[in-house]
Amino acid sequence: MKNTSRTHPELIEEIYFLKQRIKELEHAESDRLSAKQAGKRAEEQLRESEERFRLAINATEDGLWEWDIQTNKEFFSPRWCEIIGYSFDDPELPHTYSSWASRIHPDDHDRVISALNNHLENGTKYNVDYRHRHKSGEYRWQNSKGQAVFDESGKPTKMVGCIADITERKQLEEVFNESHKCLTNILDSLDSLIYVADFSSYEILFINRYGRNVWGDIQGQKCWQAIQNNQKGPCSFCTNDRLVSDTGIPTGVYQWEFQNTVNGRWYECRDQAITWIGKGLVRMEIATDITEHKLAEKALNDIQEQLFQTNRMASLGQLSAGAAHEINNPLAGIIGFTEATLSDLKNQKIAPDKIARSLGIVLKNAERCRIIMRNLLNFARVKELSKQESDINILIDDALALVEHKTTAQNIRVVKTYDKNPCKVNIDRDMMTQVFINVISNAQNAMPDGGELFVSTWSENNFALIEFKDTGTGIEKEGLLKVFDPFFTTRQPGQGVGLGLSISYSIIKRHDGSIEAKSDGKDKGTSFIIKIPAKGEINGHE
C-alpha cells in the first residue's frame, strides 16, 4: 500500500496553490461577466444609434443607398425605392449600380457620372442634382450626396449616401427663373436707366441694358464712381437720406431732375427704397432722359421772352400815348407860369411872393412829369429775370397808376378790396406788373363806355389770390376755352394781336401759379383770378 501521507509544508504549499487557482478562476469569471455586460451595453448602444439614425432619416424623408464597388451591387432603402415609385422588394428594381445609372436622364447622365468619378479618383465632394426616371415613366429631380470608403491602399471599396426628391423645389426655381427672365426683359426694354445700389456700400447690384449701353457693365462698382464724374466720395446730392424715415420705413418715391456729370444730359429721376434679397432695403433709381425736353423748354422760354418784350413794347406804346396826355397838363402849367414870370421880370413887376408861388407850381408840375417818365422808363427797361419778395397789393397799385389816364378817360371806377395783411410773394416784379397791366387793359377794352373794375386780394392755403372783375362786355363760353391761346382776341381787327393774356398765362405758370377766366356770357362782365404761391421759393426758370 502506497504511503500517501504528506508533510506539513507540502500541505501548506498545496493549499496556497489551490487558493491562487481559485482567485484566477474568480477573476476569469468576473471578466467573462464584464465582457458579457459590455457586449449587452454595446448592443443597446448600437440599437439606440440605429434608432436615432432611422428617426433622422425618416425625419428628412431621404432615401439611403450603399454601393459595393467591388461587386457593383447596391442597397436601396425602402424610402429610396419609394422616391422613384417602387416598393423595396419590387422585382422590377434590381439593386445594382447599372439599374441606378440606367434611370438617369440622358441630358444629365454624363455630368452625374463625371461627378461620381471625380469623387472616387480625386476626393472631390459628391453633391449633384439630376433627373431620375420614376416608375411612372416621368423624370423627377433628385439631389444625391455620397461618401466613398477607401482601403489601406487608398482604393475605394464602397460608397454610401442619400437622395432627396427636389422636384417641387426645381419647379419653383423654374417658375422663379422664368419670372426673373421676364422681369429682366421688361426692364431691359425700357428706354430709361434703372439701377439698384446698396445703401451702405453704394455697390451697384443691378443695372438694366439701357444703363449698360450708356455707362458700361458697371454692376459691382460704386454708383458714385461709375455713374458720375470727379466724385471723391458719395455724391453730395445722393437721395439715400430722403428715401427712408428715421424709423427705417420707406418714404415712397422721391422725384428730382439732374444733369449727369458723365455725359452732360438731363434726367428726371424717380428714387425709392425697395427690399432686395440678402441686402434688406436698397435704393432703386429710374432715370429718364429729358434733355430734348429741356432744350425745347429753353427754346420756348426764349420765345416767350421775345413775345413778352413784344407785348411790353406794344403796351409801352399805349402807355406812352396816355403819358403824353398826362404830361401835357403839367407842361402847360410849367410853360404858363414860366411865361408869366418872365413877363413880370421883363416889365420889372417883381413880386417875390408871386415868383415863389409860380416857381413852386412849376416845380410841382416838373416833378409830376419826372414821375411819369420814370414809371415809363422802369416799365420799358429790359433786364434779366429777377425774383424777389414783393407786396402784391403795392404792385397792383403801381400797375393801376400806369394805366390811370385811360381808366379815368373812360369813366371806369376802380373799387379795391385788399387783404388786411400784406400779401407777400416771390416774383419778378416787372413780369407780374405786365400781367396786371394786360388784365387791366383787357377790362378797359371791355368797358369803352365806362363801368366798374373790382380788384380784390386775399390769402388761402399758402397762396396769394388776386381777382380783377369788370362789368364789361363779357366773354362767350366758346371764347373762354381759347382766351389764353396765342393770337386769340375778341376785339376788332387792328385793335390788338391777342398776345397779352397768352403771355400772362405763361408768366404765371413760370411762377408756379395759375390764372383763370370766368364769365356768365355776353354783357355780364369777366373775372380773372390769379393764384400765386405766397412767399417760398419759386421754381421758375431763369
Protein backbone atom coordinates (compact mmCIF):
# COMPACT_ATOMS: atom_id res chain seq x y z
CA MET A 1 0.00 0.00 0.00
CA LYS A 2 1.40 3.26 -1.08
CA ASN A 3 2.13 5.81 1.53
CA THR A 4 0.10 8.94 0.65
CA SER A 5 0.86 10.96 3.72
CA ARG A 6 2.22 14.50 3.08
CA THR A 7 4.39 16.62 5.18
CA HIS A 8 3.08 19.79 6.67
CA PRO A 9 4.99 22.09 4.36
CA GLU A 10 3.67 20.20 1.36
CA LEU A 11 0.10 20.63 2.52
CA ILE A 12 0.64 24.34 3.06
CA GLU A 13 2.07 24.72 -0.44
CA GLU A 14 -0.83 22.81 -1.99
CA ILE A 15 -3.38 24.89 -0.13
CA TYR A 16 -1.67 28.09 -1.32
CA PHE A 17 -1.72 26.80 -4.90
CA LEU A 18 -5.41 25.99 -4.66
CA LYS A 19 -6.18 29.46 -3.31
CA GLN A 20 -4.30 31.08 -6.21
CA ARG A 21 -6.19 28.92 -8.68
CA ILE A 22 -9.49 29.88 -7.12
CA LYS A 23 -8.59 33.57 -7.44
CA GLU A 24 -7.69 33.11 -11.09
CA LEU A 25 -10.97 31.38 -11.72
CA GLU A 26 -12.84 34.13 -9.88
CA HIS A 27 -11.05 36.81 -11.98
CA ALA A 28 -11.81 34.94 -15.18
CA GLU A 29 -15.48 34.67 -14.26
CA SER A 30 -15.54 38.33 -13.37
CA ASP A 31 -14.00 39.25 -16.75
CA ARG A 32 -16.45 36.99 -18.52
CA LEU A 33 -19.39 38.68 -16.80
CA SER A 34 -17.92 42.13 -17.50
CA ALA A 35 -17.45 41.27 -21.16
CA LYS A 36 -21.00 39.98 -21.35
CA GLN A 37 -22.31 43.17 -19.76
CA ALA A 38 -20.15 45.25 -22.06
CA GLY A 39 -21.50 43.34 -25.02
CA LYS A 40 -25.05 43.98 -23.90
CA ARG A 41 -24.29 47.68 -23.46
CA ALA A 42 -22.74 47.79 -26.91
CA GLU A 43 -25.77 46.06 -28.38
CA GLU A 44 -28.06 48.55 -26.64
CA GLN A 45 -25.98 51.50 -27.84
CA LEU A 46 -25.99 50.09 -31.36
CA ARG A 47 -29.76 49.69 -31.28
CA GLU A 48 -30.13 53.23 -29.93
CA SER A 49 -27.77 54.56 -32.59
CA GLU A 50 -29.65 52.69 -35.29
CA GLU A 51 -32.95 54.03 -33.95
CA ARG A 52 -31.64 57.58 -33.91
CA PHE A 53 -30.31 57.13 -37.43
CA ARG A 54 -33.65 55.68 -38.58
CA LEU A 55 -35.56 58.57 -36.97
CA ALA A 56 -33.22 61.11 -38.51
CA ILE A 57 -33.56 59.57 -41.97
CA ASN A 58 -37.35 59.39 -41.64
CA ALA A 59 -37.45 63.00 -40.47
CA THR A 60 -35.54 64.18 -43.56
CA GLU A 61 -37.51 61.87 -45.86
CA ASP A 62 -34.21 60.95 -47.56
CA GLY A 63 -33.54 57.61 -49.19
CA LEU A 64 -30.34 55.71 -48.31
CA TRP A 65 -28.09 53.83 -50.67
CA GLU A 66 -24.91 51.77 -50.34
CA TRP A 67 -22.80 50.73 -53.30
CA ASP A 68 -20.37 47.84 -53.13
CA ILE A 69 -17.84 48.99 -55.68
CA GLN A 70 -16.20 45.56 -55.91
CA THR A 71 -19.44 43.72 -56.85
CA ASN A 72 -21.40 46.69 -58.29
CA LYS A 73 -24.31 45.68 -56.11
CA GLU A 74 -26.29 48.35 -54.35
CA PHE A 75 -28.54 48.51 -51.35
CA PHE A 76 -31.51 50.84 -51.67
CA SER A 77 -33.53 51.68 -48.57
CA PRO A 78 -37.34 51.41 -48.68
CA ARG A 79 -37.57 55.21 -48.78
CA TRP A 80 -35.10 55.33 -51.70
CA CYS A 81 -37.32 52.92 -53.62
CA GLU A 82 -40.44 54.86 -52.69
CA ILE A 83 -38.98 58.10 -54.07
CA ILE A 84 -38.86 56.63 -57.58
CA GLY A 85 -42.20 54.84 -57.24
CA TYR A 86 -41.15 51.28 -56.29
CA SER A 87 -41.60 49.06 -53.26
CA PHE A 88 -38.49 47.74 -51.51
CA ASP A 89 -38.88 44.20 -52.86
CA ASP A 90 -40.20 45.14 -56.31
CA PRO A 91 -38.61 42.65 -58.78
CA GLU A 92 -38.60 45.39 -61.44
CA LEU A 93 -35.99 47.29 -59.45
CA PRO A 94 -32.68 45.36 -59.30
CA HIS A 95 -30.41 46.63 -56.52
CA THR A 96 -27.44 47.21 -58.80
CA TYR A 97 -25.29 50.13 -59.95
CA SER A 98 -26.37 49.67 -63.58
CA SER A 99 -30.04 49.77 -62.54
CA TRP A 100 -29.48 53.16 -60.92
CA ALA A 101 -27.33 54.57 -63.74
CA SER A 102 -29.77 53.49 -66.47
CA ARG A 103 -32.52 55.64 -64.95
CA ILE A 104 -30.56 58.93 -65.11
CA HIS A 105 -31.90 61.41 -67.67
CA PRO A 106 -29.78 61.32 -70.87
CA ASP A 107 -29.07 65.06 -70.61
CA ASP A 108 -27.77 64.62 -67.04
CA HIS A 109 -26.05 61.22 -67.33
CA ASP A 110 -22.53 62.29 -68.28
CA ARG A 111 -22.47 65.11 -65.74
CA VAL A 112 -23.55 62.78 -62.88
CA ILE A 113 -21.09 60.00 -63.77
CA SER A 114 -18.31 62.56 -64.10
CA ALA A 115 -19.07 63.94 -60.62
CA LEU A 116 -19.09 60.39 -59.21
CA ASN A 117 -15.73 59.50 -60.82
CA ASN A 118 -14.15 62.76 -59.65
CA HIS A 119 -15.15 61.89 -56.10
CA LEU A 120 -13.69 58.37 -56.32
CA GLU A 121 -10.47 59.46 -58.06
CA ASN A 122 -9.82 62.93 -56.66
CA GLY A 123 -11.87 63.09 -53.48
CA THR A 124 -14.00 65.99 -54.68
CA LYS A 125 -17.34 66.44 -52.99
CA TYR A 126 -20.18 64.37 -54.44
CA ASN A 127 -23.32 66.51 -54.29
CA VAL A 128 -25.29 66.60 -57.53
CA ASP A 129 -28.79 67.39 -58.81
CA TYR A 130 -30.16 65.32 -61.65
CA ARG A 131 -33.36 63.90 -63.12
CA HIS A 132 -34.15 60.24 -62.37
CA ARG A 133 -36.80 58.15 -64.10
CA HIS A 134 -39.81 57.34 -61.92
CA LYS A 135 -41.72 54.08 -62.24
CA SER A 136 -44.47 56.11 -63.96
CA GLY A 137 -42.02 56.98 -66.71
CA GLU A 138 -41.69 60.68 -65.81
CA TYR A 139 -38.37 62.11 -64.74
CA ARG A 140 -38.22 63.62 -61.26
CA TRP A 141 -35.48 65.77 -59.82
CA GLN A 142 -33.21 64.31 -57.11
CA ASN A 143 -30.33 65.58 -55.06
CA SER A 144 -27.76 62.90 -54.30
CA LYS A 145 -24.93 63.11 -51.76
CA GLY A 146 -22.38 60.42 -51.01
CA GLN A 147 -19.04 59.49 -49.46
CA ALA A 148 -16.68 56.71 -50.52
CA VAL A 149 -14.86 54.37 -48.11
CA PHE A 150 -11.23 53.63 -49.01
CA ASP A 151 -8.98 50.72 -48.01
CA GLU A 152 -5.41 50.97 -46.70
CA SER A 153 -4.07 51.33 -50.24
CA GLY A 154 -6.45 54.21 -50.98
CA LYS A 155 -8.66 52.19 -53.24
CA PRO A 156 -12.44 52.82 -52.90
CA THR A 157 -14.28 49.76 -51.67
CA LYS A 158 -17.77 51.07 -51.16
CA MET A 159 -19.78 54.27 -51.15
CA VAL A 160 -22.76 55.29 -49.04
CA GLY A 161 -25.12 58.22 -49.42
CA CYS A 162 -28.66 59.50 -49.60
CA ILE A 163 -31.08 61.04 -52.08
CA ALA A 164 -33.85 63.61 -51.69
CA ASP A 165 -36.75 64.36 -54.03
CA ILE A 166 -36.34 68.05 -55.05
CA THR A 167 -38.86 68.09 -57.89
CA GLU A 168 -41.07 70.74 -56.28
CA ARG A 169 -38.07 72.92 -55.47
CA LYS A 170 -36.85 72.67 -59.05
CA GLN A 171 -40.30 73.52 -60.37
CA LEU A 172 -40.39 76.59 -58.13
CA GLU A 173 -36.90 77.53 -59.28
CA GLU A 174 -38.03 77.20 -62.88
CA VAL A 175 -41.03 79.44 -62.24
CA PHE A 176 -38.79 81.93 -60.43
CA ASN A 177 -36.22 81.87 -63.21
CA GLU A 178 -38.90 82.42 -65.83
CA SER A 179 -40.35 85.29 -63.82
CA HIS A 180 -36.88 86.75 -63.34
CA LYS A 181 -36.20 86.40 -67.07
CA CYS A 182 -39.48 88.12 -67.96
CA LEU A 183 -38.85 90.93 -65.48
CA THR A 184 -35.30 91.41 -66.75
CA ASN A 185 -36.58 91.53 -70.34
CA ILE A 186 -39.11 94.17 -69.35
CA LEU A 187 -36.51 96.27 -67.53
CA ASP A 188 -34.06 95.89 -70.41
CA SER A 189 -36.69 97.03 -72.92
CA LEU A 190 -37.34 100.33 -71.12
CA ASP A 191 -35.87 103.49 -72.59
CA SER A 192 -34.72 104.65 -69.14
CA LEU A 193 -31.87 103.93 -66.79
CA ILE A 194 -32.82 101.56 -63.97
CA TYR A 195 -30.26 100.62 -61.37
CA VAL A 196 -30.20 99.36 -57.79
CA ALA A 197 -27.49 100.36 -55.30
CA ASP A 198 -26.72 99.24 -51.75
CA PHE A 199 -27.48 101.92 -49.16
CA SER A 200 -24.27 101.40 -47.19
CA SER A 201 -21.61 100.33 -49.69
CA TYR A 202 -23.11 102.13 -52.75
CA GLU A 203 -22.41 98.96 -54.75
CA ILE A 204 -24.48 98.68 -57.93
CA LEU A 205 -26.46 95.46 -57.54
CA PHE A 206 -28.35 95.69 -60.84
CA ILE A 207 -28.33 97.88 -63.95
CA ASN A 208 -30.55 97.39 -66.99
CA ARG A 209 -29.48 97.26 -70.64
CA TYR A 210 -30.11 100.99 -71.19
CA GLY A 211 -27.70 101.79 -68.37
CA ARG A 212 -25.10 99.30 -69.62
CA ASN A 213 -25.25 100.82 -73.10
CA VAL A 214 -24.56 104.31 -71.70
CA TRP A 215 -22.23 103.67 -68.74
CA GLY A 216 -20.94 100.16 -69.50
CA ASP A 217 -21.23 96.94 -67.48
CA ILE A 218 -20.72 98.61 -64.08
CA GLN A 219 -22.54 96.12 -61.87
CA GLY A 220 -20.47 95.59 -58.72
CA GLN A 221 -18.92 99.06 -58.87
CA LYS A 222 -19.81 102.02 -56.63
CA CYS A 223 -22.51 104.22 -58.13
CA TRP A 224 -20.75 107.50 -57.31
CA GLN A 225 -17.64 106.32 -59.16
CA ALA A 226 -19.28 104.66 -62.16
CA ILE A 227 -22.31 106.86 -62.94
CA GLN A 228 -20.84 110.25 -62.00
CA ASN A 229 -17.55 112.04 -62.66
CA ASN A 230 -15.00 113.65 -60.34
CA GLN A 231 -16.61 112.45 -57.11
CA LYS A 232 -14.21 111.89 -54.20
CA GLY A 233 -16.89 110.08 -52.22
CA PRO A 234 -20.66 109.54 -52.14
CA CYS A 235 -22.41 112.31 -54.08
CA SER A 236 -23.50 115.37 -52.13
CA PHE A 237 -26.83 115.14 -53.95
CA CYS A 238 -27.37 111.46 -53.06
CA THR A 239 -31.03 110.84 -52.15
CA ASN A 240 -30.47 107.97 -49.68
CA ASP A 241 -31.48 110.05 -46.66
CA ARG A 242 -34.72 111.10 -48.37
CA LEU A 243 -35.94 107.56 -49.07
CA VAL A 244 -36.16 106.13 -45.53
CA SER A 245 -37.63 107.69 -42.40
CA ASP A 246 -35.83 107.92 -39.06
CA THR A 247 -37.60 104.70 -38.06
CA GLY A 248 -36.35 102.85 -41.13
CA ILE A 249 -39.64 102.93 -43.07
CA PRO A 250 -39.53 103.69 -46.85
CA THR A 251 -40.93 107.15 -47.55
CA GLY A 252 -42.07 106.48 -51.12
CA VAL A 253 -40.91 107.94 -54.44
CA TYR A 254 -38.63 110.99 -54.46
CA GLN A 255 -38.63 112.80 -57.82
CA TRP A 256 -35.90 115.18 -58.94
CA GLU A 257 -34.01 116.41 -62.00
CA PHE A 258 -30.27 116.30 -62.53
CA GLN A 259 -27.68 116.91 -65.25
CA ASN A 260 -25.38 113.88 -65.32
CA THR A 261 -21.71 114.69 -64.82
CA VAL A 262 -20.52 111.99 -67.25
CA ASN A 263 -22.50 112.74 -70.42
CA GLY A 264 -23.98 116.15 -69.59
CA ARG A 265 -27.54 115.03 -70.32
CA TRP A 266 -30.56 115.89 -68.19
CA TYR A 267 -32.53 113.15 -66.41
CA GLU A 268 -35.78 113.07 -64.50
CA CYS A 269 -35.04 110.73 -61.59
CA ARG A 270 -37.51 108.74 -59.50
CA ASP A 271 -35.82 107.17 -56.47
CA GLN A 272 -37.28 104.89 -53.81
CA ALA A 273 -36.24 102.32 -51.22
CA ILE A 274 -37.10 98.71 -52.06
CA THR A 275 -36.34 95.34 -50.44
CA TRP A 276 -33.54 93.33 -52.06
CA ILE A 277 -32.96 89.65 -51.28
CA GLY A 278 -29.98 89.31 -48.96
CA LYS A 279 -29.47 93.08 -48.68
CA GLY A 280 -32.56 94.47 -46.99
CA LEU A 281 -33.51 97.98 -48.11
CA VAL A 282 -31.67 99.35 -51.15
CA ARG A 283 -32.08 102.38 -53.45
CA MET A 284 -33.67 101.93 -56.86
CA GLU A 285 -33.49 104.76 -59.37
CA ILE A 286 -35.41 105.15 -62.61
CA ALA A 287 -33.89 107.96 -64.66
CA THR A 288 -35.48 109.14 -67.91
CA ASP A 289 -33.52 111.29 -70.36
CA ILE A 290 -35.29 114.67 -70.66
CA THR A 291 -32.51 116.54 -72.45
CA GLU A 292 -34.64 117.20 -75.54
CA HIS A 293 -37.46 118.38 -73.33
CA LYS A 294 -35.06 120.72 -71.53
CA LEU A 295 -33.80 122.14 -74.83
CA ALA A 296 -37.37 122.60 -76.07
CA GLU A 297 -38.29 124.21 -72.77
CA LYS A 298 -35.41 126.66 -73.06
CA ALA A 299 -36.36 127.45 -76.66
CA LEU A 300 -39.96 128.00 -75.56
CA ASN A 301 -38.82 130.27 -72.73
CA ASP A 302 -36.73 132.26 -75.20
CA ILE A 303 -39.74 132.64 -77.49
CA GLN A 304 -41.96 133.59 -74.57
CA GLU A 305 -39.38 136.15 -73.52
CA GLN A 306 -39.41 137.62 -77.02
CA LEU A 307 -43.21 137.67 -77.03
CA PHE A 308 -43.13 139.24 -73.60
CA GLN A 309 -40.87 142.04 -74.85
CA THR A 310 -43.04 142.48 -77.95
CA ASN A 311 -46.16 142.73 -75.83
CA ARG A 312 -44.29 145.01 -73.45
CA MET A 313 -43.37 147.37 -76.26
CA ALA A 314 -46.96 147.34 -77.54
CA SER A 315 -48.18 148.19 -74.08
CA LEU A 316 -45.49 150.82 -73.80
CA GLY A 317 -46.82 152.46 -76.96
CA GLN A 318 -50.30 152.62 -75.46
CA LEU A 319 -48.94 153.86 -72.16
CA SER A 320 -46.84 156.48 -73.94
CA ALA A 321 -49.94 157.89 -75.59
CA GLY A 322 -51.62 158.20 -72.22
CA ALA A 323 -48.44 159.55 -70.66
CA ALA A 324 -48.20 162.21 -73.35
CA HIS A 325 -51.66 163.39 -72.39
CA GLU A 326 -50.74 163.24 -68.72
CA ILE A 327 -47.58 165.26 -69.33
CA ASN A 328 -49.41 167.87 -71.38
CA ASN A 329 -51.26 169.21 -68.33
CA PRO A 330 -48.22 169.78 -66.09
CA LEU A 331 -46.23 171.05 -69.10
CA ALA A 332 -48.94 173.55 -69.85
CA GLY A 333 -48.72 174.74 -66.25
CA ILE A 334 -44.93 174.93 -66.40
CA ILE A 335 -44.99 176.87 -69.63
CA GLY A 336 -47.78 179.20 -68.49
CA PHE A 337 -46.23 180.10 -65.13
CA THR A 338 -42.76 180.39 -66.67
CA GLU A 339 -44.05 182.81 -69.33
CA ALA A 340 -45.91 184.86 -66.70
CA THR A 341 -42.85 185.05 -64.50
CA LEU A 342 -40.61 186.05 -67.43
CA SER A 343 -43.17 188.74 -68.38
CA ASP A 344 -43.15 190.08 -64.83
CA LEU A 345 -39.37 190.14 -64.80
CA LYS A 346 -39.29 191.86 -68.19
CA ASN A 347 -41.75 194.52 -67.05
CA GLN A 348 -39.91 194.74 -63.74
CA LYS A 349 -43.03 193.72 -61.92
CA ILE A 350 -41.04 191.74 -59.41
CA ALA A 351 -43.18 190.40 -56.60
CA PRO A 352 -41.12 187.87 -54.61
CA ASP A 353 -44.14 186.10 -53.18
CA LYS A 354 -45.72 185.74 -56.60
CA ILE A 355 -42.47 184.49 -58.15
CA ALA A 356 -42.01 182.00 -55.31
CA ARG A 357 -45.55 180.73 -55.75
CA SER A 358 -45.07 180.42 -59.53
CA LEU A 359 -41.78 178.58 -59.15
CA GLY A 360 -43.41 176.24 -56.62
CA ILE A 361 -46.13 175.37 -59.12
CA VAL A 362 -43.52 174.90 -61.86
CA LEU A 363 -41.51 172.60 -59.57
CA LYS A 364 -44.59 170.57 -58.66
CA ASN A 365 -45.58 170.08 -62.30
CA ALA A 366 -42.00 169.21 -63.27
CA GLU A 367 -41.90 166.59 -60.51
CA ARG A 368 -45.15 165.16 -61.88
CA CYS A 369 -43.54 164.89 -65.33
CA ARG A 370 -40.46 163.25 -63.84
CA ILE A 371 -42.57 160.61 -62.04
CA ILE A 372 -44.49 159.80 -65.22
CA MET A 373 -41.31 159.43 -67.24
CA ARG A 374 -39.60 157.36 -64.53
CA ASN A 375 -42.51 154.93 -64.49
CA LEU A 376 -42.38 154.62 -68.27
CA LEU A 377 -38.61 154.02 -68.21
CA ASN A 378 -38.90 151.43 -65.47
CA PHE A 379 -41.58 149.62 -67.41
CA ALA A 380 -39.63 149.73 -70.69
CA ARG A 381 -36.29 148.68 -69.23
CA VAL A 382 -35.16 145.20 -70.35
CA LYS A 383 -33.28 143.23 -67.69
CA GLU A 384 -32.57 139.70 -66.53
CA LEU A 385 -35.31 137.76 -64.79
CA SER A 386 -35.15 138.59 -61.10
CA LYS A 387 -37.40 137.24 -58.38
CA GLN A 388 -37.73 138.99 -55.07
CA GLU A 389 -40.17 139.27 -52.22
CA SER A 390 -42.89 141.78 -53.03
CA ASP A 391 -46.18 143.01 -51.60
CA ILE A 392 -48.82 142.12 -54.18
CA ASN A 393 -51.09 144.99 -53.09
CA ILE A 394 -48.39 147.59 -53.76
CA LEU A 395 -47.59 146.02 -57.12
CA ILE A 396 -51.26 146.21 -58.18
CA ASP A 397 -51.39 149.90 -57.19
CA ASP A 398 -48.31 150.57 -59.33
CA ALA A 399 -49.93 148.85 -62.33
CA LEU A 400 -53.18 150.78 -61.84
CA ALA A 401 -51.19 154.03 -61.71
CA LEU A 402 -49.55 153.27 -65.06
CA VAL A 403 -52.95 152.98 -66.80
CA GLU A 404 -54.74 155.55 -64.68
CA HIS A 405 -55.19 158.03 -67.55
CA LYS A 406 -57.18 155.58 -69.70
CA THR A 407 -59.17 154.40 -66.69
CA THR A 408 -60.14 157.97 -65.87
CA ALA A 409 -60.77 158.91 -69.52
CA GLN A 410 -63.18 156.01 -69.96
CA ASN A 411 -65.01 156.83 -66.71
CA ILE A 412 -64.11 153.48 -65.11
CA ARG A 413 -64.40 153.38 -61.34
CA VAL A 414 -61.83 151.18 -59.59
CA VAL A 415 -63.01 149.50 -56.38
CA LYS A 416 -60.19 147.92 -54.33
CA THR A 417 -60.71 145.34 -51.60
CA TYR A 418 -57.28 144.29 -50.39
CA ASP A 419 -56.30 141.73 -47.80
CA LYS A 420 -55.71 143.48 -44.46
CA ASN A 421 -52.40 141.64 -44.12
CA PRO A 422 -49.61 142.22 -46.65
CA CYS A 423 -49.69 139.57 -49.41
CA LYS A 424 -46.00 138.69 -49.71
CA VAL A 425 -44.90 136.73 -52.79
CA ASN A 426 -41.60 135.88 -54.52
CA ILE A 427 -41.97 137.17 -58.07
CA ASP A 428 -40.35 139.05 -60.91
CA ARG A 429 -41.89 142.46 -60.35
CA ASP A 430 -41.68 143.68 -63.94
CA MET A 431 -43.19 140.50 -65.35
CA MET A 432 -46.00 140.48 -62.79
CA THR A 433 -46.67 144.17 -63.46
CA GLN A 434 -47.00 143.28 -67.14
CA VAL A 435 -49.56 140.59 -66.21
CA PHE A 436 -51.62 143.06 -64.19
CA ILE A 437 -51.47 145.68 -66.97
CA ASN A 438 -52.57 143.09 -69.55
CA VAL A 439 -55.56 142.06 -67.41
CA ILE A 440 -56.49 145.66 -66.55
CA SER A 441 -56.19 146.65 -70.24
CA ASN A 442 -58.47 143.76 -71.13
CA ALA A 443 -61.03 145.13 -68.66
CA GLN A 444 -60.65 148.67 -70.06
CA ASN A 445 -61.27 147.41 -73.59
CA ALA A 446 -64.38 145.60 -72.37
CA MET A 447 -65.79 148.82 -70.86
CA PRO A 448 -65.37 151.55 -73.57
CA ASP A 449 -68.37 153.46 -72.18
CA GLY A 450 -67.40 153.18 -68.54
CA GLY A 451 -68.12 150.75 -65.77
CA GLU A 452 -66.56 149.33 -62.64
CA LEU A 453 -63.38 147.33 -62.07
CA PHE A 454 -63.29 145.43 -58.77
CA VAL A 455 -59.81 144.46 -57.60
CA SER A 456 -59.55 142.07 -54.65
CA THR A 457 -56.71 140.25 -52.90
CA TRP A 458 -56.74 137.56 -50.21
CA SER A 459 -54.67 134.65 -48.90
CA GLU A 460 -55.68 130.99 -48.97
CA ASN A 461 -53.71 127.78 -48.29
CA ASN A 462 -50.28 129.44 -48.70
CA PHE A 463 -51.34 131.17 -51.90
CA ALA A 464 -51.97 134.83 -52.69
CA LEU A 465 -55.10 135.31 -54.82
CA ILE A 466 -55.93 138.34 -56.95
CA GLU A 467 -59.22 138.93 -58.75
CA PHE A 468 -59.89 141.54 -61.43
CA LYS A 469 -63.64 141.68 -62.09
CA ASP A 470 -65.16 144.07 -64.62
CA THR A 471 -68.71 144.93 -65.63
CA GLY A 472 -67.92 144.93 -69.34
CA THR A 473 -68.97 143.02 -72.43
CA GLY A 474 -68.15 139.56 -71.04
CA ILE A 475 -66.93 136.51 -72.96
CA GLU A 476 -68.99 133.80 -74.60
CA LYS A 477 -68.48 130.18 -73.43
CA GLU A 478 -66.55 129.26 -76.59
CA GLY A 479 -64.25 132.21 -76.11
CA LEU A 480 -63.45 131.22 -72.51
CA LEU A 481 -61.93 127.98 -73.78
CA LYS A 482 -59.50 129.91 -76.00
CA VAL A 483 -58.97 133.12 -74.07
CA PHE A 484 -55.34 132.24 -73.20
CA ASP A 485 -54.46 130.93 -76.68
CA PRO A 486 -51.88 132.99 -78.61
CA PHE A 487 -53.40 135.45 -81.09
CA PHE A 488 -56.96 134.90 -79.83
CA THR A 489 -58.86 138.17 -79.42
CA THR A 490 -62.48 139.33 -79.26
CA ARG A 491 -61.53 142.86 -80.30
CA GLN A 492 -61.99 144.39 -83.74
CA PRO A 493 -59.21 143.89 -86.32
CA GLY A 494 -56.35 146.31 -85.76
CA GLN A 495 -57.16 146.81 -82.08
CA GLY A 496 -54.94 144.03 -80.74
CA VAL A 497 -52.98 140.91 -81.74
CA GLY A 498 -54.19 138.64 -78.91
CA LEU A 499 -50.87 138.02 -77.16
CA GLY A 500 -51.43 139.77 -73.84
CA LEU A 501 -53.39 137.09 -71.99
CA SER A 502 -51.34 134.26 -73.55
CA ILE A 503 -48.12 135.84 -72.29
CA SER A 504 -49.73 136.49 -68.92
CA TYR A 505 -50.64 132.80 -68.69
CA SER A 506 -47.02 131.79 -69.40
CA ILE A 507 -45.64 134.24 -66.83
CA ILE A 508 -47.99 132.97 -64.12
CA LYS A 509 -47.10 129.35 -64.91
CA ARG A 510 -43.41 130.19 -64.59
CA HIS A 511 -44.20 131.44 -61.11
CA ASP A 512 -45.86 128.08 -60.24
CA GLY A 513 -49.22 129.82 -60.19
CA SER A 514 -52.46 129.76 -62.18
CA ILE A 515 -54.80 132.19 -63.93
CA GLU A 516 -58.46 131.51 -64.66
CA ALA A 517 -61.08 133.44 -66.65
CA LYS A 518 -64.78 133.38 -65.74
CA SER A 519 -67.77 134.95 -67.42
CA ASP A 520 -71.50 134.33 -67.45
CA GLY A 521 -71.72 135.37 -71.09
CA LYS A 522 -72.26 138.41 -73.25
CA ASP A 523 -72.60 141.76 -71.39
CA LYS A 524 -72.22 140.04 -68.00
CA GLY A 525 -68.64 141.03 -67.25
CA THR A 526 -65.49 138.99 -66.87
CA SER A 527 -63.44 137.90 -63.91
CA PHE A 528 -59.74 136.94 -63.94
CA ILE A 529 -58.46 135.11 -60.86
CA ILE A 530 -54.69 134.83 -60.40
CA LYS A 531 -53.17 132.42 -57.87
CA ILE A 532 -49.50 132.76 -56.83
CA PRO A 533 -47.57 130.87 -54.10
CA ALA A 534 -47.21 133.05 -51.02
CA LYS A 535 -43.55 133.53 -50.12
CA GLY A 536 -41.45 130.35 -50.50
CA GLU A 537 -39.09 129.70 -53.39
CA ILE A 538 -40.45 129.80 -56.91
CA ASN A 539 -39.29 127.08 -59.25
CA GLY A 540 -39.44 129.13 -62.43
CA HIS A 541 -36.54 129.01 -64.92
CA GLU A 542 -34.02 131.79 -65.01
